[in-house]
Amino acid sequence: MQELRVSPKDTILHVLKIIDVGAEQTAIVVDQEDHLLGIVTDGDIRRALISGCSMDSPLDGFYTKKFMSVGIDYSREAALSLMVANRIE
């Protein structure tokens, strides 16, 4: 997962490269102490660009801060069930 971590100060271009390499369509936004701040998806970036941000704009301000997560003790089936129930792809 380390390769999917980005900072709110990273540029849109940098985050796009991370998302593209990871092929997950999502990156994890963390602070300097590696605390989870949110997630950013290709859709978040698309909306930021449509609203006038540039490829050099920092990520801060348009990543998703309200998200759902599960602990490592969740089974794959339970996590998938939660995703279906909440219409998460």
PDB file of N, CA and C in Angstrom:
ATOM      1  N   MET A   1       0.808  -1.206   0.000  1.00  0.00           N
ATOM      2  CA  MET A   1       0.000   0.000   0.000  1.00  0.00           C
ATOM      3  C   MET A   1       0.849   1.267   0.000  1.00  0.00           C
ATOM      4  N   GLN A   2       2.092   1.167   0.387  1.00  0.00           N
ATOM      5  CA  GLN A   2       2.972   2.331   0.458  1.00  0.00           C
ATOM      6  C   GLN A   2       2.991   3.093  -0.868  1.00  0.00           C
ATOM      7  N   GLU A   3       2.955   2.372  -1.968  1.00  0.00           N
ATOM      8  CA  GLU A   3       3.034   3.026  -3.271  1.00  0.00           C
ATOM      9  C   GLU A   3       1.782   3.817  -3.625  1.00  0.00           C
ATOM     10  N   LEU A   4       0.701   3.653  -2.881  1.00  0.00           N
ATOM     11  CA  LEU A   4      -0.546   4.375  -3.151  1.00  0.00           C
ATOM     12  C   LEU A   4      -0.744   5.571  -2.231  1.00  0.00           C
ATOM     13  N   ARG A   5       0.238   5.876  -1.392  1.00  0.00           N
ATOM     14  CA  ARG A   5       0.126   6.984  -0.445  1.00  0.00           C
ATOM     15  C   ARG A   5       0.586   8.287  -1.080  1.00  0.00           C
ATOM     16  N   VAL A   6      -0.220   9.330  -0.849  1.00  0.00           N
ATOM     17  CA  VAL A   6       0.109  10.664  -1.344  1.00  0.00           C
ATOM     18  C   VAL A   6      -0.124  11.684  -0.233  1.00  0.00           C
ATOM     19  N   SER A   7       0.413  12.864  -0.422  1.00  0.00           N
ATOM     20  CA  SER A   7       0.283  13.961   0.528  1.00  0.00           C
ATOM     21  C   SER A   7      -0.703  14.993  -0.013  1.00  0.00           C
ATOM     22  N   PRO A   8      -1.383  15.738   0.861  1.00  0.00           N
ATOM     23  CA  PRO A   8      -2.260  16.808   0.391  1.00  0.00           C
ATOM     24  C   PRO A   8      -1.495  17.875  -0.392  1.00  0.00           C
ATOM     25  N   LYS A   9      -0.187  17.932  -0.218  1.00  0.00           N
ATOM     26  CA  LYS A   9       0.632  18.921  -0.924  1.00  0.00           C
ATOM     27  C   LYS A   9       1.071  18.443  -2.313  1.00  0.00           C
ATOM     28  N   ASP A  10       0.877  17.164  -2.615  1.00  0.00           N
ATOM     29  CA  ASP A  10       1.244  16.642  -3.934  1.00  0.00           C
ATOM     30  C   ASP A  10       0.374  17.263  -5.016  1.00  0.00           C
ATOM     31  N   THR A  11       0.938  17.375  -6.203  1.00  0.00           N
ATOM     32  CA  THR A  11       0.188  17.951  -7.325  1.00  0.00           C
ATOM     33  C   THR A  11      -0.760  16.924  -7.934  1.00  0.00           C
ATOM     34  N   ILE A  12      -1.736  17.431  -8.652  1.00  0.00           N
ATOM     35  CA  ILE A  12      -2.670  16.562  -9.363  1.00  0.00           C
ATOM     36  C   ILE A  12      -1.908  15.635 -10.304  1.00  0.00           C
ATOM     37  N   LEU A  13      -0.923  16.169 -11.009  1.00  0.00           N
ATOM     38  CA  LEU A  13      -0.147  15.351 -11.940  1.00  0.00           C
ATOM     39  C   LEU A  13       0.528  14.192 -11.212  1.00  0.00           C
ATOM     40  N   HIS A  14       1.158  14.474 -10.080  1.00  0.00           N
ATOM     41  CA  HIS A  14       1.822  13.417  -9.300  1.00  0.00           C
ATOM     42  C   HIS A  14       0.815  12.348  -8.861  1.00  0.00           C
ATOM     43  N   VAL A  15      -0.326  12.792  -8.366  1.00  0.00           N
ATOM     44  CA  VAL A  15      -1.344  11.857  -7.887  1.00  0.00           C
ATOM     45  C   VAL A  15      -1.880  11.011  -9.041  1.00  0.00           C
ATOM     46  N   LEU A  16      -2.077  11.609 -10.192  1.00  0.00           N
ATOM     47  CA  LEU A  16      -2.522  10.842 -11.365  1.00  0.00           C
ATOM     48  C   LEU A  16      -1.526   9.748 -11.719  1.00  0.00           C
ATOM     49  N   LYS A  17      -0.255  10.056 -11.640  1.00  0.00           N
ATOM     50  CA  LYS A  17       0.775   9.050 -11.933  1.00  0.00           C
ATOM     51  C   LYS A  17       0.723   7.910 -10.920  1.00  0.00           C
ATOM     52  N   ILE A  18       0.519   8.235  -9.657  1.00  0.00           N
ATOM     53  CA  ILE A  18       0.410   7.213  -8.609  1.00  0.00           C
ATOM     54  C   ILE A  18      -0.809   6.327  -8.864  1.00  0.00           C
ATOM     55  N   ILE A  19      -1.936   6.956  -9.162  1.00  0.00           N
ATOM     56  CA  ILE A  19      -3.163   6.207  -9.420  1.00  0.00           C
ATOM     57  C   ILE A  19      -3.001   5.331 -10.650  1.00  0.00           C
ATOM     58  N   ASP A  20      -2.358   5.841 -11.677  1.00  0.00           N
ATOM     59  CA  ASP A  20      -2.180   5.083 -12.917  1.00  0.00           C
ATOM     60  C   ASP A  20      -1.293   3.862 -12.704  1.00  0.00           C
ATOM     61  N   VAL A  21      -0.212   4.027 -11.984  1.00  0.00           N
ATOM     62  CA  VAL A  21       0.712   2.914 -11.727  1.00  0.00           C
ATOM     63  C   VAL A  21       0.036   1.855 -10.864  1.00  0.00           C
ATOM     64  N   GLY A  22      -0.713   2.305  -9.860  1.00  0.00           N
ATOM     65  CA  GLY A  22      -1.366   1.376  -8.949  1.00  0.00           C
ATOM     66  C   GLY A  22      -2.546   0.652  -9.563  1.00  0.00           C
ATOM     67  N   ALA A  23      -3.124   1.213 -10.590  1.00  0.00           N
ATOM     68  CA  ALA A  23      -4.285   0.643 -11.284  1.00  0.00           C
ATOM     69  C   ALA A  23      -5.458   0.404 -10.328  1.00  0.00           C
ATOM     70  N   GLU A  24      -5.493   1.113  -9.201  1.00  0.00           N
ATOM     71  CA  GLU A  24      -6.562   0.966  -8.218  1.00  0.00           C
ATOM     72  C   GLU A  24      -7.630   2.036  -8.387  1.00  0.00           C
ATOM     73  N   GLN A  25      -7.353   3.064  -9.169  1.00  0.00           N
ATOM     74  CA  GLN A  25      -8.215   4.222  -9.373  1.00  0.00           C
ATOM     75  C   GLN A  25      -8.386   5.037  -8.097  1.00  0.00           C
ATOM     76  N   THR A  26      -7.557   4.753  -7.086  1.00  0.00           N
ATOM     77  CA  THR A  26      -7.634   5.436  -5.804  1.00  0.00           C
ATOM     78  C   THR A  26      -6.245   5.540  -5.191  1.00  0.00           C
ATOM     79  N   ALA A  27      -5.996   6.640  -4.502  1.00  0.00           N
ATOM     80  CA  ALA A  27      -4.781   6.777  -3.705  1.00  0.00           C
ATOM     81  C   ALA A  27      -5.199   7.150  -2.286  1.00  0.00           C
ATOM     82  N   ILE A  28      -4.335   6.864  -1.337  1.00  0.00           N
ATOM     83  CA  ILE A  28      -4.594   7.138   0.069  1.00  0.00           C
ATOM     84  C   ILE A  28      -3.860   8.417   0.453  1.00  0.00           C
ATOM     85  N   VAL A  29      -4.586   9.375   1.015  1.00  0.00           N
ATOM     86  CA  VAL A  29      -4.007  10.660   1.408  1.00  0.00           C
ATOM     87  C   VAL A  29      -3.598  10.570   2.877  1.00  0.00           C
ATOM     88  N   VAL A  30      -2.312  10.811   3.144  1.00  0.00           N
ATOM     89  CA  VAL A  30      -1.792  10.746   4.516  1.00  0.00           C
ATOM     90  C   VAL A  30      -1.011  12.018   4.834  1.00  0.00           C
ATOM     91  N   ASP A  31      -0.885  12.300   6.145  1.00  0.00           N
ATOM     92  CA  ASP A  31      -0.079  13.448   6.560  1.00  0.00           C
ATOM     93  C   ASP A  31       1.371  13.012   6.773  1.00  0.00           C
ATOM     94  N   GLN A  32       2.203  13.917   7.279  1.00  0.00           N
ATOM     95  CA  GLN A  32       3.621  13.628   7.458  1.00  0.00           C
ATOM     96  C   GLN A  32       3.873  12.509   8.461  1.00  0.00           C
ATOM     97  N   GLU A  33       2.944  12.319   9.394  1.00  0.00           N
ATOM     98  CA  GLU A  33       3.078  11.252  10.386  1.00  0.00           C
ATOM     99  C   GLU A  33       2.410   9.960   9.922  1.00  0.00           C
ATOM    100  N   ASP A  34       1.989   9.933   8.659  1.00  0.00           N
ATOM    101  CA  ASP A  34       1.355   8.765   8.046  1.00  0.00           C
ATOM    102  C   ASP A  34      -0.047   8.489   8.592  1.00  0.00           C
ATOM    103  N   HIS A  35      -0.721   9.532   9.117  1.00  0.00           N
ATOM    104  CA  HIS A  35      -2.111   9.392   9.551  1.00  0.00           C
ATOM    105  C   HIS A  35      -3.024   9.517   8.337  1.00  0.00           C
ATOM    106  N   LEU A  36      -4.002   8.673   8.275  1.00  0.00           N
ATOM    107  CA  LEU A  36      -4.953   8.673   7.171  1.00  0.00           C
ATOM    108  C   LEU A  36      -5.829   9.918   7.215  1.00  0.00           C
ATOM    109  N   LEU A  37      -5.820  10.684   6.127  1.00  0.00           N
ATOM    110  CA  LEU A  37      -6.627  11.898   6.016  1.00  0.00           C
ATOM    111  C   LEU A  37      -7.836  11.697   5.115  1.00  0.00           C
ATOM    112  N   GLY A  38      -7.702  10.817   4.134  1.00  0.00           N
ATOM    113  CA  GLY A  38      -8.778  10.605   3.180  1.00  0.00           C
ATOM    114  C   GLY A  38      -8.308   9.787   2.004  1.00  0.00           C
ATOM    115  N   ILE A  39      -9.114   9.802   0.960  1.00  0.00           N
ATOM    116  CA  ILE A  39      -8.777   9.112  -0.279  1.00  0.00           C
ATOM    117  C   ILE A  39      -8.989  10.067  -1.440  1.00  0.00           C
ATOM    118  N   VAL A  40      -8.337   9.781  -2.534  1.00  0.00           N
ATOM    119  CA  VAL A  40      -8.557  10.551  -3.756  1.00  0.00           C
ATOM    120  C   VAL A  40      -8.742   9.556  -4.897  1.00  0.00           C
ATOM    121  N   THR A  41      -9.761   9.791  -5.680  1.00  0.00           N
ATOM    122  CA  THR A  41     -10.069   8.918  -6.811  1.00  0.00           C
ATOM    123  C   THR A  41      -9.849   9.670  -8.113  1.00  0.00           C
ATOM    124  N   ASP A  42      -9.850   8.932  -9.194  1.00  0.00           N
ATOM    125  CA  ASP A  42      -9.738   9.589 -10.493  1.00  0.00           C
ATOM    126  C   ASP A  42     -10.926  10.519 -10.716  1.00  0.00           C
ATOM    127  N   GLY A  43     -12.079  10.192 -10.137  1.00  0.00           N
ATOM    128  CA  GLY A  43     -13.253  11.067 -10.239  1.00  0.00           C
ATOM    129  C   GLY A  43     -13.060  12.382  -9.503  1.00  0.00           C
ATOM    130  N   ASP A  44     -12.412  12.334  -8.322  1.00  0.00           N
ATOM    131  CA  ASP A  44     -12.106  13.569  -7.582  1.00  0.00           C
ATOM    132  C   ASP A  44     -11.212  14.472  -8.431  1.00  0.00           C
ATOM    133  N   ILE A  45     -10.228  13.881  -9.069  1.00  0.00           N
ATOM    134  CA  ILE A  45      -9.302  14.655  -9.909  1.00  0.00           C
ATOM    135  C   ILE A  45     -10.027  15.219 -11.121  1.00  0.00           C
ATOM    136  N   ARG A  46     -10.866  14.419 -11.725  1.00  0.00           N
ATOM    137  CA  ARG A  46     -11.642  14.882 -12.890  1.00  0.00           C
ATOM    138  C   ARG A  46     -12.497  16.093 -12.513  1.00  0.00           C
ATOM    139  N   ARG A  47     -13.171  16.024 -11.372  1.00  0.00           N
ATOM    140  CA  ARG A  47     -14.004  17.144 -10.923  1.00  0.00           C
ATOM    141  C   ARG A  47     -13.164  18.381 -10.613  1.00  0.00           C
ATOM    142  N   ALA A  48     -11.979  18.190 -10.036  1.00  0.00           N
ATOM    143  CA  ALA A  48     -11.088  19.324  -9.752  1.00  0.00           C
ATOM    144  C   ALA A  48     -10.646  20.000 -11.044  1.00  0.00           C
ATOM    145  N   LEU A  49     -10.300  19.220 -12.045  1.00  0.00           N
ATOM    146  CA  LEU A  49      -9.871  19.791 -13.329  1.00  0.00           C
ATOM    147  C   LEU A  49     -11.020  20.527 -14.012  1.00  0.00           C
ATOM    148  N   ILE A  50     -12.210  19.951 -13.952  1.00  0.00           N
ATOM    149  CA  ILE A  50     -13.381  20.601 -14.551  1.00  0.00           C
ATOM    150  C   ILE A  50     -13.676  21.933 -13.865  1.00  0.00           C
ATOM    151  N   SER A  51     -13.419  21.993 -12.549  1.00  0.00           N
ATOM    152  CA  SER A  51     -13.695  23.225 -11.807  1.00  0.00           C
ATOM    153  C   SER A  51     -12.611  24.283 -11.972  1.00  0.00           C
ATOM    154  N   GLY A  52     -11.558  23.972 -12.738  1.00  0.00           N
ATOM    155  CA  GLY A  52     -10.544  24.978 -13.036  1.00  0.00           C
ATOM    156  C   GLY A  52      -9.172  24.744 -12.438  1.00  0.00           C
ATOM    157  N   CYS A  53      -8.987  23.694 -11.664  1.00  0.00           N
ATOM    158  CA  CYS A  53      -7.649  23.390 -11.140  1.00  0.00           C
ATOM    159  C   CYS A  53      -6.731  22.998 -12.302  1.00  0.00           C
ATOM    160  N   SER A  54      -5.438  23.187 -12.104  1.00  0.00           N
ATOM    161  CA  SER A  54      -4.469  22.788 -13.121  1.00  0.00           C
ATOM    162  C   SER A  54      -3.752  21.523 -12.665  1.00  0.00           C
ATOM    163  N   MET A  55      -2.964  20.951 -13.536  1.00  0.00           N
ATOM    164  CA  MET A  55      -2.196  19.756 -13.200  1.00  0.00           C
ATOM    165  C   MET A  55      -1.154  20.047 -12.122  1.00  0.00           C
ATOM    166  N   ASP A  56      -0.799  21.323 -11.947  1.00  0.00           N
ATOM    167  CA  ASP A  56       0.166  21.713 -10.923  1.00  0.00           C
ATOM    168  C   ASP A  56      -0.495  22.084  -9.596  1.00  0.00           C
ATOM    169  N   SER A  57      -1.817  22.047  -9.537  1.00  0.00           N
ATOM    170  CA  SER A  57      -2.534  22.379  -8.303  1.00  0.00           C
ATOM    171  C   SER A  57      -2.287  21.301  -7.258  1.00  0.00           C
ATOM    172  N   PRO A  58      -2.188  21.705  -5.988  1.00  0.00           N
ATOM    173  CA  PRO A  58      -2.032  20.699  -4.926  1.00  0.00           C
ATOM    174  C   PRO A  58      -3.334  19.941  -4.707  1.00  0.00           C
ATOM    175  N   LEU A  59      -3.190  18.758  -4.195  1.00  0.00           N
ATOM    176  CA  LEU A  59      -4.321  17.877  -3.925  1.00  0.00           C
ATOM    177  C   LEU A  59      -5.239  18.435  -2.836  1.00  0.00           C
ATOM    178  N   ASP A  60      -4.673  19.145  -1.877  1.00  0.00           N
ATOM    179  CA  ASP A  60      -5.433  19.643  -0.741  1.00  0.00           C
ATOM    180  C   ASP A  60      -6.656  20.426  -1.203  1.00  0.00           C
ATOM    181  N   GLY A  61      -7.801  20.087  -0.650  1.00  0.00           N
ATOM    182  CA  GLY A  61      -9.016  20.816  -0.979  1.00  0.00           C
ATOM    183  C   GLY A  61     -10.009  20.029  -1.800  1.00  0.00           C
ATOM    184  N   PHE A  62      -9.570  18.963  -2.451  1.00  0.00           N
ATOM    185  CA  PHE A  62     -10.564  18.236  -3.242  1.00  0.00           C
ATOM    186  C   PHE A  62     -10.519  16.717  -3.093  1.00  0.00           C
ATOM    187  N   TYR A  63      -9.769  16.218  -2.147  1.00  0.00           N
ATOM    188  CA  TYR A  63      -9.826  14.772  -1.913  1.00  0.00           C
ATOM    189  C   TYR A  63     -10.982  14.462  -0.958  1.00  0.00           C
ATOM    190  N   THR A  64     -11.392  13.223  -0.912  1.00  0.00           N
ATOM    191  CA  THR A  64     -12.525  12.794  -0.106  1.00  0.00           C
ATOM    192  C   THR A  64     -12.098  12.578   1.340  1.00  0.00           C
ATOM    193  N   LYS A  65     -12.678  13.382   2.234  1.00  0.00           N
ATOM    194  CA  LYS A  65     -12.334  13.278   3.652  1.00  0.00           C
ATOM    195  C   LYS A  65     -13.329  12.400   4.410  1.00  0.00           C
ATOM    196  N   LYS A  66     -14.514  12.232   3.852  1.00  0.00           N
ATOM    197  CA  LYS A  66     -15.512  11.341   4.448  1.00  0.00           C
ATOM    198  C   LYS A  66     -15.484  10.039   3.658  1.00  0.00           C
ATOM    199  N   PHE A  67     -15.029   8.992   4.294  1.00  0.00           N
ATOM    200  CA  PHE A  67     -14.893   7.718   3.617  1.00  0.00           C
ATOM    201  C   PHE A  67     -15.224   6.605   4.600  1.00  0.00           C
ATOM    202  N   MET A  68     -15.388   5.426   4.064  1.00  0.00           N
ATOM    203  CA  MET A  68     -15.689   4.261   4.882  1.00  0.00           C
ATOM    204  C   MET A  68     -14.492   3.323   4.806  1.00  0.00           C
ATOM    205  N   SER A  69     -14.119   2.753   5.937  1.00  0.00           N
ATOM    206  CA  SER A  69     -13.011   1.801   5.945  1.00  0.00           C
ATOM    207  C   SER A  69     -13.349   0.636   6.863  1.00  0.00           C
ATOM    208  N   VAL A  70     -12.623  -0.443   6.699  1.00  0.00           N
ATOM    209  CA  VAL A  70     -12.794  -1.615   7.553  1.00  0.00           C
ATOM    210  C   VAL A  70     -11.432  -1.997   8.121  1.00  0.00           C
ATOM    211  N   GLY A  71     -11.452  -2.672   9.242  1.00  0.00           N
ATOM    212  CA  GLY A  71     -10.220  -3.124   9.869  1.00  0.00           C
ATOM    213  C   GLY A  71      -9.701  -4.396   9.218  1.00  0.00           C
ATOM    214  N   ILE A  72      -8.488  -4.755   9.573  1.00  0.00           N
ATOM    215  CA  ILE A  72      -7.879  -5.956   8.998  1.00  0.00           C
ATOM    216  C   ILE A  72      -8.578  -7.227   9.442  1.00  0.00           C
ATOM    217  N   ASP A  73      -9.400  -7.129  10.483  1.00  0.00           N
ATOM    218  CA  ASP A  73     -10.124  -8.304  10.969  1.00  0.00           C
ATOM    219  C   ASP A  73     -11.391  -8.585  10.150  1.00  0.00           C
ATOM    220  N   TYR A  74     -11.759  -7.689   9.244  1.00  0.00           N
ATOM    221  CA  TYR A  74     -12.923  -7.903   8.380  1.00  0.00           C
ATOM    222  C   TYR A  74     -12.589  -8.959   7.342  1.00  0.00           C
ATOM    223  N   SER A  75     -13.514  -9.856   7.122  1.00  0.00           N
ATOM    224  CA  SER A  75     -13.322 -10.839   6.056  1.00  0.00           C
ATOM    225  C   SER A  75     -13.586 -10.167   4.709  1.00  0.00           C
ATOM    226  N   ARG A  76     -13.080 -10.760   3.672  1.00  0.00           N
ATOM    227  CA  ARG A  76     -13.317 -10.237   2.320  1.00  0.00           C
ATOM    228  C   ARG A  76     -14.823 -10.193   2.038  1.00  0.00           C
ATOM    229  N   GLU A  77     -15.530 -11.223   2.428  1.00  0.00           N
ATOM    230  CA  GLU A  77     -16.970 -11.297   2.187  1.00  0.00           C
ATOM    231  C   GLU A  77     -17.708 -10.184   2.919  1.00  0.00           C
ATOM    232  N   ALA A  78     -17.328  -9.912   4.162  1.00  0.00           N
ATOM    233  CA  ALA A  78     -17.979  -8.851   4.941  1.00  0.00           C
ATOM    234  C   ALA A  78     -17.700  -7.488   4.322  1.00  0.00           C
ATOM    235  N   ALA A  79     -16.465  -7.284   3.884  1.00  0.00           N
ATOM    236  CA  ALA A  79     -16.115  -6.014   3.254  1.00  0.00           C
ATOM    237  C   ALA A  79     -16.880  -5.828   1.944  1.00  0.00           C
ATOM    238  N   LEU A  80     -16.964  -6.871   1.133  1.00  0.00           N
ATOM    239  CA  LEU A  80     -17.706  -6.786  -0.129  1.00  0.00           C
ATOM    240  C   LEU A  80     -19.194  -6.536   0.133  1.00  0.00           C
ATOM    241  N   SER A  81     -19.737  -7.170   1.149  1.00  0.00           N
ATOM    242  CA  SER A  81     -21.139  -6.959   1.503  1.00  0.00           C
ATOM    243  C   SER A  81     -21.386  -5.517   1.900  1.00  0.00           C
ATOM    244  N   LEU A  82     -20.476  -4.946   2.687  1.00  0.00           N
ATOM    245  CA  LEU A  82     -20.570  -3.550   3.080  1.00  0.00           C
ATOM    246  C   LEU A  82     -20.493  -2.632   1.861  1.00  0.00           C
ATOM    247  N   MET A  83     -19.610  -2.972   0.927  1.00  0.00           N
ATOM    248  CA  MET A  83     -19.481  -2.174  -0.295  1.00  0.00           C
ATOM    249  C   MET A  83     -20.763  -2.200  -1.104  1.00  0.00           C
ATOM    250  N   VAL A  84     -21.339  -3.367  -1.271  1.00  0.00           N
ATOM    251  CA  VAL A  84     -22.591  -3.497  -2.026  1.00  0.00           C
ATOM    252  C   VAL A  84     -23.703  -2.705  -1.341  1.00  0.00           C
ATOM    253  N   ALA A  85     -23.806  -2.843  -0.027  1.00  0.00           N
ATOM    254  CA  ALA A  85     -24.852  -2.154   0.724  1.00  0.00           C
ATOM    255  C   ALA A  85     -24.746  -0.637   0.607  1.00  0.00           C
ATOM    256  N   ASN A  86     -23.524  -0.141   0.439  1.00  0.00           N
ATOM    257  CA  ASN A  86     -23.301   1.300   0.361  1.00  0.00           C
ATOM    258  C   ASN A  86     -22.997   1.795  -1.053  1.00  0.00           C
ATOM    259  N   ARG A  87     -23.195   0.911  -2.026  1.00  0.00           N
ATOM    260  CA  ARG A  87     -23.012   1.236  -3.448  1.00  0.00           C
ATOM    261  C   ARG A  87     -21.610   1.788  -3.715  1.00  0.00           C
ATOM    262  N   ILE A  88     -20.601   1.090  -3.172  1.00  0.00           N
ATOM    263  CA  ILE A  88     -19.197   1.442  -3.379  1.00  0.00           C
ATOM    264  C   ILE A  88     -18.611   0.456  -4.380  1.00  0.00           C
ATOM    265  N   GLU A  89     -17.949   0.989  -5.401  1.00  0.00           N
ATOM    266  CA  GLU A  89     -17.344   0.116  -6.402  1.00  0.00           C
ATOM    267  C   GLU A  89     -15.975  -0.336  -5.971  1.00  0.00           C
TER     268      GLU A  89
END
